[in-house]
Protein backbone atom coordinates (compact mmCIF):
# COMPACT_ATOMS: atom_id res chain seq x y z
CA MET A 1 0.03 -0.22 -0.07
CA THR A 2 1.27 3.47 -1.07
CA ALA A 3 1.71 5.76 1.88
CA ASP A 4 0.14 9.18 1.57
CA ARG A 5 1.91 12.23 1.48
CA LEU A 6 1.62 15.41 3.91
CA ASP A 7 3.82 18.60 3.32
CA VAL A 8 3.90 20.83 6.11
CA CYS A 9 6.53 23.22 7.51
CA CYS A 10 6.64 21.65 11.00
CA CYS A 11 5.32 18.62 12.27
CA ILE A 12 4.54 17.92 15.78
CA VAL A 13 4.48 14.10 17.52
CA GLY A 14 2.41 14.21 20.88
CA GLY A 15 -1.10 16.30 21.91
CA GLY A 16 -0.07 16.86 25.07
CA PRO A 17 0.60 20.24 27.03
CA ALA A 18 4.14 21.12 24.82
CA GLY A 19 2.95 19.69 21.95
CA MET A 20 -0.35 21.58 21.54
CA MET A 21 1.19 24.80 23.11
CA LEU A 22 3.56 24.85 20.42
CA GLY A 23 1.46 23.97 17.80
CA LEU A 24 -0.75 27.13 18.79
CA LEU A 25 1.80 29.31 19.26
CA LEU A 26 3.64 28.59 15.56
CA ALA A 27 -0.06 28.64 14.02
CA ARG A 28 -0.37 32.12 15.70
CA ALA A 29 2.85 33.35 14.60
CA GLY A 30 1.99 32.17 10.92
CA VAL A 31 3.69 28.68 10.60
CA ASP A 32 1.57 26.00 9.32
CA VAL A 33 1.68 23.40 11.79
CA LEU A 34 0.58 19.45 11.86
CA VAL A 35 -0.34 18.29 15.67
CA LEU A 36 -0.42 14.07 15.81
CA GLU A 37 -1.69 12.51 18.34
CA LYS A 38 -2.19 9.33 18.52
CA HIS A 39 -5.12 8.72 20.76
CA ALA A 40 -9.03 9.37 19.48
CA ASP A 41 -9.31 11.93 22.38
CA PHE A 42 -7.58 13.61 25.33
CA LEU A 43 -9.39 11.99 28.04
CA ARG A 44 -6.68 10.02 29.78
CA ASP A 45 -7.39 10.20 33.58
CA PHE A 46 -4.74 11.09 36.03
CA ARG A 47 -2.53 12.99 34.52
CA GLY A 48 -1.01 16.25 35.86
CA ASP A 49 -3.78 18.56 36.51
CA THR A 50 -1.92 21.52 38.13
CA ILE A 51 -1.80 24.82 36.13
CA HIS A 52 0.61 27.02 37.57
CA PRO A 53 0.63 31.10 37.97
CA SER A 54 3.34 30.25 34.94
CA THR A 55 1.09 28.88 32.56
CA LEU A 56 -1.58 31.23 33.61
CA GLU A 57 -0.03 34.17 32.52
CA ILE A 58 0.64 32.57 29.30
CA MET A 59 -2.71 32.65 28.67
CA HIS A 60 -2.97 36.25 29.69
CA GLU A 61 -0.58 37.17 27.32
CA LEU A 62 -2.49 35.27 24.26
CA GLY A 63 -5.83 37.41 25.87
CA MET A 64 -7.18 33.62 26.33
CA LEU A 65 -7.45 33.84 30.91
CA GLU A 66 -10.64 34.65 30.93
CA ALA A 67 -12.22 32.06 28.71
CA PHE A 68 -10.06 29.79 30.02
CA LEU A 69 -10.65 30.27 33.49
CA GLN A 70 -14.55 29.71 32.50
CA LEU A 71 -13.99 25.94 32.08
CA PRO A 72 -14.78 23.97 35.90
CA HIS A 73 -11.69 24.38 38.28
CA GLN A 74 -10.70 24.50 41.54
CA GLU A 75 -7.53 27.12 43.22
CA ALA A 76 -5.27 26.64 45.42
CA PRO A 77 -3.11 29.70 46.88
CA GLU A 78 -1.35 27.78 49.05
CA LEU A 79 -0.35 24.39 48.73
CA ALA A 80 0.34 22.10 52.90
CA ALA A 81 1.43 19.01 53.98
CA GLN A 82 0.41 16.73 57.06
CA MET A 83 3.40 14.89 58.38
CA ARG A 84 0.78 12.79 61.18
CA ALA A 85 -0.78 15.48 63.30
CA GLU A 86 1.59 18.10 62.16
CA GLN A 87 0.19 20.41 59.20
CA PHE A 88 2.88 22.13 57.31
CA ARG A 89 1.91 25.35 55.38
CA VAL A 90 4.54 24.75 52.55
CA ALA A 91 4.13 27.59 49.58
CA ASP A 92 1.41 30.75 49.49
CA PHE A 93 1.02 31.82 45.62
CA ARG A 94 -1.19 34.68 47.18
CA HIS A 95 2.22 37.47 46.61
CA LEU A 96 3.25 36.28 43.19
CA PRO A 97 3.40 38.93 40.35
CA THR A 98 1.16 37.59 38.58
CA ARG A 99 -2.80 37.82 37.38
CA CYS A 100 -3.56 34.70 39.08
CA LYS A 101 -2.28 34.08 42.34
CA PHE A 102 -2.86 30.24 42.70
CA ILE A 103 -2.57 27.09 41.41
CA ALA A 104 -5.97 26.09 39.00
CA LEU A 105 -6.64 22.45 39.54
CA MET A 106 -8.31 21.32 36.17
CA PRO A 107 -8.74 18.03 34.38
CA GLN A 108 -5.77 17.71 31.60
CA TRP A 109 -8.11 17.06 28.49
CA ASP A 110 -10.16 20.26 29.21
CA PHE A 111 -7.18 22.16 29.13
CA LEU A 112 -5.93 20.37 25.89
CA ASN A 113 -9.50 20.50 24.39
CA PHE A 114 -9.01 24.33 25.16
CA ILE A 115 -5.84 25.06 23.55
CA ALA A 116 -6.90 22.77 20.26
CA GLN A 117 -9.87 25.08 20.07
CA GLN A 118 -8.16 27.99 20.28
CA GLY A 119 -5.17 26.83 17.56
CA ALA A 120 -8.61 26.38 15.51
CA ARG A 121 -9.32 30.09 14.95
CA TYR A 122 -6.00 30.10 13.06
CA ARG A 123 -5.73 28.96 9.51
CA GLY A 124 -2.20 27.29 10.12
CA PHE A 125 -3.06 25.07 12.82
CA LYS A 126 -4.19 21.25 12.20
CA LEU A 127 -4.51 18.65 14.60
CA ARG A 128 -5.26 14.88 13.29
CA MET A 129 -6.07 12.32 15.98
CA GLN A 130 -4.91 8.86 15.71
CA VAL A 131 -2.37 9.26 14.35
CA GLU A 132 1.07 7.41 15.55
CA ALA A 133 4.40 7.97 14.28
CA THR A 134 6.31 5.02 13.54
CA GLY A 135 9.81 5.94 12.49
CA LEU A 136 12.07 8.69 11.15
CA ILE A 137 12.40 10.00 7.28
CA GLU A 138 16.25 11.17 7.01
CA GLN A 139 17.84 11.94 3.76
CA ALA A 140 21.75 13.03 4.17
CA GLY A 141 22.07 13.02 7.95
CA ARG A 142 18.35 15.56 8.21
CA VAL A 143 15.32 14.50 9.47
CA ILE A 144 13.01 15.43 6.75
CA GLY A 145 9.64 13.98 7.52
CA LEU A 146 8.48 10.75 9.59
CA THR A 147 6.21 7.70 9.23
CA ALA A 148 2.58 6.83 10.50
CA ILE A 149 0.24 5.28 10.72
CA THR A 150 -3.85 5.85 10.91
CA PRO A 151 -7.30 3.96 10.79
CA GLU A 152 -6.95 4.73 6.96
CA GLY A 153 -3.31 3.28 6.67
CA PRO A 154 -0.22 4.25 6.38
CA ILE A 155 0.77 8.31 5.70
CA GLU A 156 4.13 9.87 5.14
CA VAL A 157 4.88 13.84 6.95
CA ARG A 158 7.70 16.02 5.16
CA ALA A 159 8.17 19.05 7.01
CA ASP A 160 10.94 21.27 7.42
CA LEU A 161 11.00 20.86 11.63
CA ILE A 162 9.58 17.73 13.33
CA VAL A 163 9.08 18.40 17.00
CA GLY A 164 9.33 14.89 19.29
CA ALA A 165 6.11 16.22 21.98
CA ASP A 166 5.04 12.29 22.89
CA GLY A 167 6.26 12.04 26.24
CA ARG A 168 8.45 10.14 28.69
CA ALA A 169 8.28 7.15 26.20
CA SER A 170 8.89 9.47 23.06
CA ILE A 171 8.76 6.91 19.92
CA VAL A 172 10.84 10.43 18.22
CA ARG A 173 13.58 10.53 20.86
CA GLU A 174 14.28 6.80 20.14
CA LYS A 175 13.66 6.36 16.89
CA ALA A 176 16.41 9.61 16.63
CA GLY A 177 18.90 7.81 18.55
CA MET A 178 19.19 10.44 20.95
CA VAL A 179 21.08 9.79 24.07
CA VAL A 180 19.03 10.02 27.43
CA GLN A 181 20.56 10.36 31.11
CA GLU A 182 18.76 8.52 33.61
CA LEU A 183 18.55 10.28 36.81
CA GLY A 184 16.78 7.65 38.84
CA ALA A 185 13.24 7.89 41.24
CA PRO A 186 12.72 5.90 44.45
CA MET A 187 9.05 6.02 43.90
CA ASP A 188 5.88 5.26 41.55
CA VAL A 189 2.81 6.19 42.23
CA LEU A 190 -0.94 4.81 42.24
CA TRP A 191 -3.43 6.75 40.96
CA PHE A 192 -7.87 6.58 42.04
CA ARG A 193 -10.21 8.81 42.53
CA LEU A 194 -12.93 8.65 45.74
CA SER A 195 -16.04 10.40 45.68
CA ARG A 196 -16.26 13.62 47.35
CA ALA A 197 -18.97 15.01 50.03
CA THR A 198 -20.06 18.44 50.94
CA SER A 199 -18.68 18.01 54.17
CA ASP A 200 -15.04 16.79 53.26
CA PRO A 201 -12.32 19.81 54.00
CA ASP A 202 -11.47 21.55 51.09
CA ASP A 203 -7.55 21.57 50.82
CA THR A 204 -5.17 19.75 48.31
CA LEU A 205 -2.61 18.08 51.00
CA GLY A 206 0.38 16.07 51.04
CA TYR A 207 0.48 13.43 53.94
CA PHE A 208 3.80 12.17 55.15
CA ASP A 209 3.93 9.28 57.57
CA ARG A 210 5.72 6.29 58.53
CA GLY A 211 6.15 4.34 55.27
CA GLN A 212 3.59 6.00 53.76
CA ILE A 213 3.45 9.20 51.10
CA PHE A 214 -0.29 10.43 50.32
CA ILE A 215 -1.79 12.97 47.92
CA ARG A 216 -5.58 13.98 47.79
CA ILE A 217 -6.59 16.75 45.25
CA ASN A 218 -9.87 18.45 45.58
CA ARG A 219 -11.37 18.03 42.05
CA GLY A 220 -14.64 19.17 42.95
CA GLU A 221 -17.01 16.22 42.78
CA HIS A 222 -14.23 14.13 43.83
CA TRP A 223 -10.86 13.28 45.21
CA GLN A 224 -8.13 12.89 42.96
CA CYS A 225 -5.46 10.57 45.08
CA GLY A 226 -2.23 9.33 44.77
CA TYR A 227 -0.58 6.78 46.60
CA VAL A 228 3.04 6.98 46.46
CA ILE A 229 4.95 3.59 46.56
CA ALA A 230 8.66 2.65 46.58
CA LYS A 231 9.61 1.83 43.35
CA GLY A 232 9.30 -2.14 42.54
CA SER A 233 7.00 -3.01 45.43
CA LEU A 234 3.63 -3.13 43.27
CA ALA A 235 3.49 -6.62 43.51
CA GLN A 236 3.92 -6.72 47.03
CA ILE A 237 0.81 -4.23 47.66
CA HIS A 238 -1.17 -6.43 45.06
CA ALA A 239 -0.04 -9.71 47.01
CA GLU A 240 -1.49 -8.06 50.04
CA GLY A 241 -4.68 -7.82 48.57
CA LEU A 242 -7.12 -4.65 47.37
CA ASP A 243 -8.91 -4.68 51.06
CA ALA A 244 -5.33 -4.47 52.50
CA PHE A 245 -5.15 -1.20 50.28
CA ARG A 246 -8.62 -0.04 51.43
CA ARG A 247 -8.01 0.17 54.92
CA ALA A 248 -4.48 1.96 54.38
CA ILE A 249 -6.90 4.31 51.98
CA ALA A 250 -9.35 4.75 55.22
CA THR A 251 -6.30 5.16 57.51
CA LEU A 252 -4.97 7.97 55.64
CA MET A 253 -8.29 9.67 54.50
CA PRO A 254 -10.57 9.02 57.54
CA PHE A 255 -13.65 11.16 56.75
CA ALA A 256 -13.99 8.76 53.54
CA GLU A 257 -13.48 5.72 55.40
CA ASN A 258 -17.19 4.71 54.48
CA ARG A 259 -15.82 5.55 50.45
CA VAL A 260 -13.21 3.01 49.82
CA ARG A 261 -15.07 0.54 48.52
CA GLU A 262 -15.72 2.93 45.18
CA ILE A 263 -12.19 1.28 44.80
CA ALA A 264 -13.82 -1.46 43.04
CA ASP A 265 -11.24 -3.22 41.68
CA TRP A 266 -7.12 -3.11 40.61
CA ASP A 267 -8.48 -1.76 37.45
CA ALA A 268 -9.51 1.27 39.02
CA VAL A 269 -6.07 1.99 40.63
CA LYS A 270 -3.28 3.32 37.59
CA LEU A 271 0.15 2.58 38.24
CA LEU A 272 2.18 6.37 36.76
CA THR A 273 5.62 5.11 36.90
CA VAL A 274 8.05 7.42 37.57
CA ARG A 275 11.20 8.76 35.59
CA VAL A 276 13.06 11.16 35.89
CA ASP A 277 16.29 11.64 33.04
CA ARG A 278 17.31 14.44 30.11
CA LEU A 279 18.37 14.25 26.63
CA LEU A 280 22.06 15.02 26.49
CA ARG A 281 21.31 16.77 23.26
CA TRP A 282 17.79 17.95 22.55
CA ASP A 283 18.06 18.36 18.52
CA ARG A 284 19.38 16.83 15.97
CA PRO A 285 19.24 18.47 12.30
CA GLY A 286 15.87 18.66 11.59
CA LEU A 287 14.30 17.50 14.89
CA LEU A 288 14.02 19.12 17.89
CA CYS A 289 12.88 17.71 21.22
CA ILE A 290 10.33 19.38 24.25
CA GLY A 291 8.68 18.95 27.67
CA ASP A 292 8.66 15.27 28.71
CA ALA A 293 10.87 13.69 25.41
CA ALA A 294 13.46 15.81 26.08
CA HIS A 295 12.95 15.74 29.99
CA ALA A 296 11.24 13.59 31.87
CA MET A 297 10.19 14.99 35.35
CA SER A 298 9.11 13.28 39.12
CA PRO A 299 6.05 14.63 40.09
CA VAL A 300 7.02 16.49 42.96
CA GLY A 301 6.14 19.98 42.68
CA GLY A 302 3.62 18.80 40.14
CA VAL A 303 5.99 21.21 37.99
CA GLY A 304 5.79 18.75 34.96
CA ILE A 305 3.07 20.76 32.80
CA ASN A 306 4.41 24.37 33.29
CA LEU A 307 7.79 22.98 32.34
CA ALA A 308 6.09 21.64 29.33
CA VAL A 309 4.50 24.89 28.47
CA GLN A 310 7.54 26.74 29.02
CA ASP A 311 9.72 24.88 26.55
CA ALA A 312 6.42 24.83 23.85
CA VAL A 313 6.73 29.44 24.50
CA ALA A 314 10.71 29.47 24.11
CA ALA A 315 10.51 27.01 21.38
CA ALA A 316 7.76 29.30 19.66
CA ASN A 317 9.72 32.39 20.21
CA VAL A 318 12.73 31.16 18.79
CA LEU A 319 11.49 29.05 16.24
CA ALA A 320 8.90 31.14 14.67
CA ALA A 321 10.75 33.67 12.30
CA PRO A 322 13.42 31.27 11.37
CA LEU A 323 10.20 28.42 9.85
CA ARG A 324 8.35 31.27 8.39
CA ALA A 325 11.49 32.28 6.56
CA GLY A 326 12.19 28.92 5.46
CA ARG A 327 16.03 29.28 7.02
CA LEU A 328 15.94 26.82 10.06
CA THR A 329 19.24 25.90 11.03
CA ARG A 330 20.55 23.61 13.61
CA ASP A 331 22.13 26.57 15.79
CA ASP A 332 18.23 28.05 16.66
CA LEU A 333 17.07 24.67 17.28
CA HIS A 334 20.01 24.30 20.38
CA ARG A 335 19.21 27.92 20.92
CA VAL A 336 16.26 26.05 22.42
CA GLN A 337 18.21 23.70 24.71
CA ARG A 338 20.17 26.41 25.63
CA ARG A 339 17.39 28.86 27.15
CA ARG A 340 15.48 25.81 28.71
CA ASP A 341 18.38 23.31 29.92
CA PHE A 342 19.65 25.63 33.09
CA PRO A 343 15.89 25.48 34.56
CA THR A 344 15.58 21.90 33.83
CA ARG A 345 18.62 20.81 35.36
CA VAL A 346 17.80 23.18 38.61
CA THR A 347 14.19 21.55 38.46
CA GLN A 348 15.26 18.43 38.37
CA ARG A 349 18.45 18.79 41.05
CA MET A 350 15.50 20.16 43.88
CA GLN A 351 12.95 17.36 42.55
CA ILE A 352 16.22 14.50 43.06
CA MET A 353 16.97 16.08 46.43
CA ALA A 354 12.99 15.84 47.82
CA GLN A 355 13.62 12.54 46.69
CA SER A 356 16.75 11.15 48.46
CA ARG A 357 15.80 13.61 51.58
CA ILE A 358 12.23 13.12 52.05
CA ILE A 359 10.39 11.05 49.95
CA SER A 360 13.35 8.00 50.34
CA ARG A 361 13.48 8.10 54.12
CA VAL A 362 9.56 8.50 54.50
CA LEU A 363 9.17 5.08 52.32
CA ALA A 364 11.55 3.58 53.92
CA GLY A 365 9.65 3.09 57.31
CA PRO A 366 9.30 2.17 60.20
CA GLN A 367 10.87 4.83 61.96
CA ARG A 368 9.51 7.79 62.78
CA PHE A 369 10.19 10.34 60.50
CA GLN A 370 11.28 14.13 61.19
CA PRO A 371 9.96 16.69 59.62
CA PRO A 372 12.96 19.05 58.38
CA LEU A 373 14.10 22.13 59.57
CA PHE A 374 12.98 24.16 56.32
CA LEU A 375 9.47 22.67 56.57
CA ARG A 376 9.50 24.28 60.50
CA LEU A 377 10.94 27.37 59.06
CA LEU A 378 8.13 27.56 56.46
CA ASN A 379 5.53 26.53 59.35
CA ARG A 380 6.87 29.44 61.33
CA PHE A 381 7.57 32.54 58.95
CA ALA A 382 4.80 33.08 56.55
CA PHE A 383 7.12 34.92 54.47
CA LEU A 384 9.17 32.24 53.79
CA ARG A 385 6.42 30.54 51.93
CA ARG A 386 6.63 33.01 49.27
CA ILE A 387 9.98 31.29 48.46
CA PRO A 388 8.87 27.84 47.43
CA ALA A 389 5.80 29.73 46.09
CA ARG A 390 7.74 31.73 43.08
CA VAL A 391 9.78 28.65 42.23
CA LEU A 392 6.78 26.30 42.02
CA GLY A 393 4.58 29.12 40.51
CA LEU A 394 6.72 30.65 37.99
CA GLY A 395 9.38 28.19 37.56
CA ILE A 396 13.30 29.00 37.05
CA ARG A 397 13.61 31.21 34.24
CA PRO A 398 9.58 32.14 33.15
CA GLU A 399 9.38 32.41 29.87
CA HIS A 400 6.85 35.37 27.91
CA VAL A 401 5.22 35.18 24.81
CA ARG A 402 7.37 37.25 22.30
CA THR A 403 5.92 35.87 18.85
CA GLN A 404 3.28 38.13 17.44
CA ALA A 405 -0.34 37.04 16.02
CA MET A 406 -0.18 36.87 12.68
CA GLU A 407 -3.77 36.81 10.91
CA ARG A 408 -6.03 34.40 11.16
């Protein structure tokens, strides 16, 4: 069967936050863009749902913030952690120099659908669902396109630039033979949901105790729950049985004790395999990786989606003009990494420190974990909570939209 051929200026593989935001920004700047998403929709549960102030500020700069905040969401102006009976206030976003001084808790599919709708307003934006990239097309050492499969059959896409934004299991970076540096993670996360009653607490909270770490996220009508486990311990948890798992959750959420039966079977509990890694180099001639395809992040701090959006903004700022003019060089591509490599490394370093100094020690149990001094200082001195708020809320070297909107 002969593959159909498509020609486009930029082809983005992956319809996650990095790919969709880059597609929108490039199309807005007058570049013809094709985004390929292998699934039929964006409805994958238990993805990152925290939209940080840095991303909300990008929405403001694009003139989309008011419409965006019309979508159902919850607002968290501060973050807290609980260690046994003691609660610690960790970050206060109310003092950030942004329009939105809170984290917006919103299902990722709503975020992605919104970006897709905004992108569709520009004639250069095309999104194709159920298209899975299978390989790269190279010529004289340069990536000039890709192969993909669709429900109708195989296709070829030829493009001046292929962008891998297809996550931590990126087929693009695999086929490109890019070198990955593994940084390690001591845990995985079991995600599930429980219904939420009007009498329940409102706060989103992280809970730490001997051998247990638990996150509950207020999603309005339900709780999105994350039970952190030591890496490689899933088989042991399954062996102990679903009732033992329910009892553990009931202990952590006593106000929802009568609802743990909603975890009907293990199919209701989704495993997130945590990886922390990064590419040594994000580009090859004709190809660039961004987001988790360039640097898989730990869930610590919930910053993954926002790092991906920052990558997309930086990439659009650097690449829009050379793509439009047909004069893209490899140095243009490497400028994106030079811009985003430092914040990526610093953020991953902080995540690894948290993993080794807090998460690993708590999961090791059964000794009682003593809260670190910095948590006690944050709890005692309110002004100190502005520091983690700035790091989490804005990130290291926040990006701003520099591209100009072209005619739709």
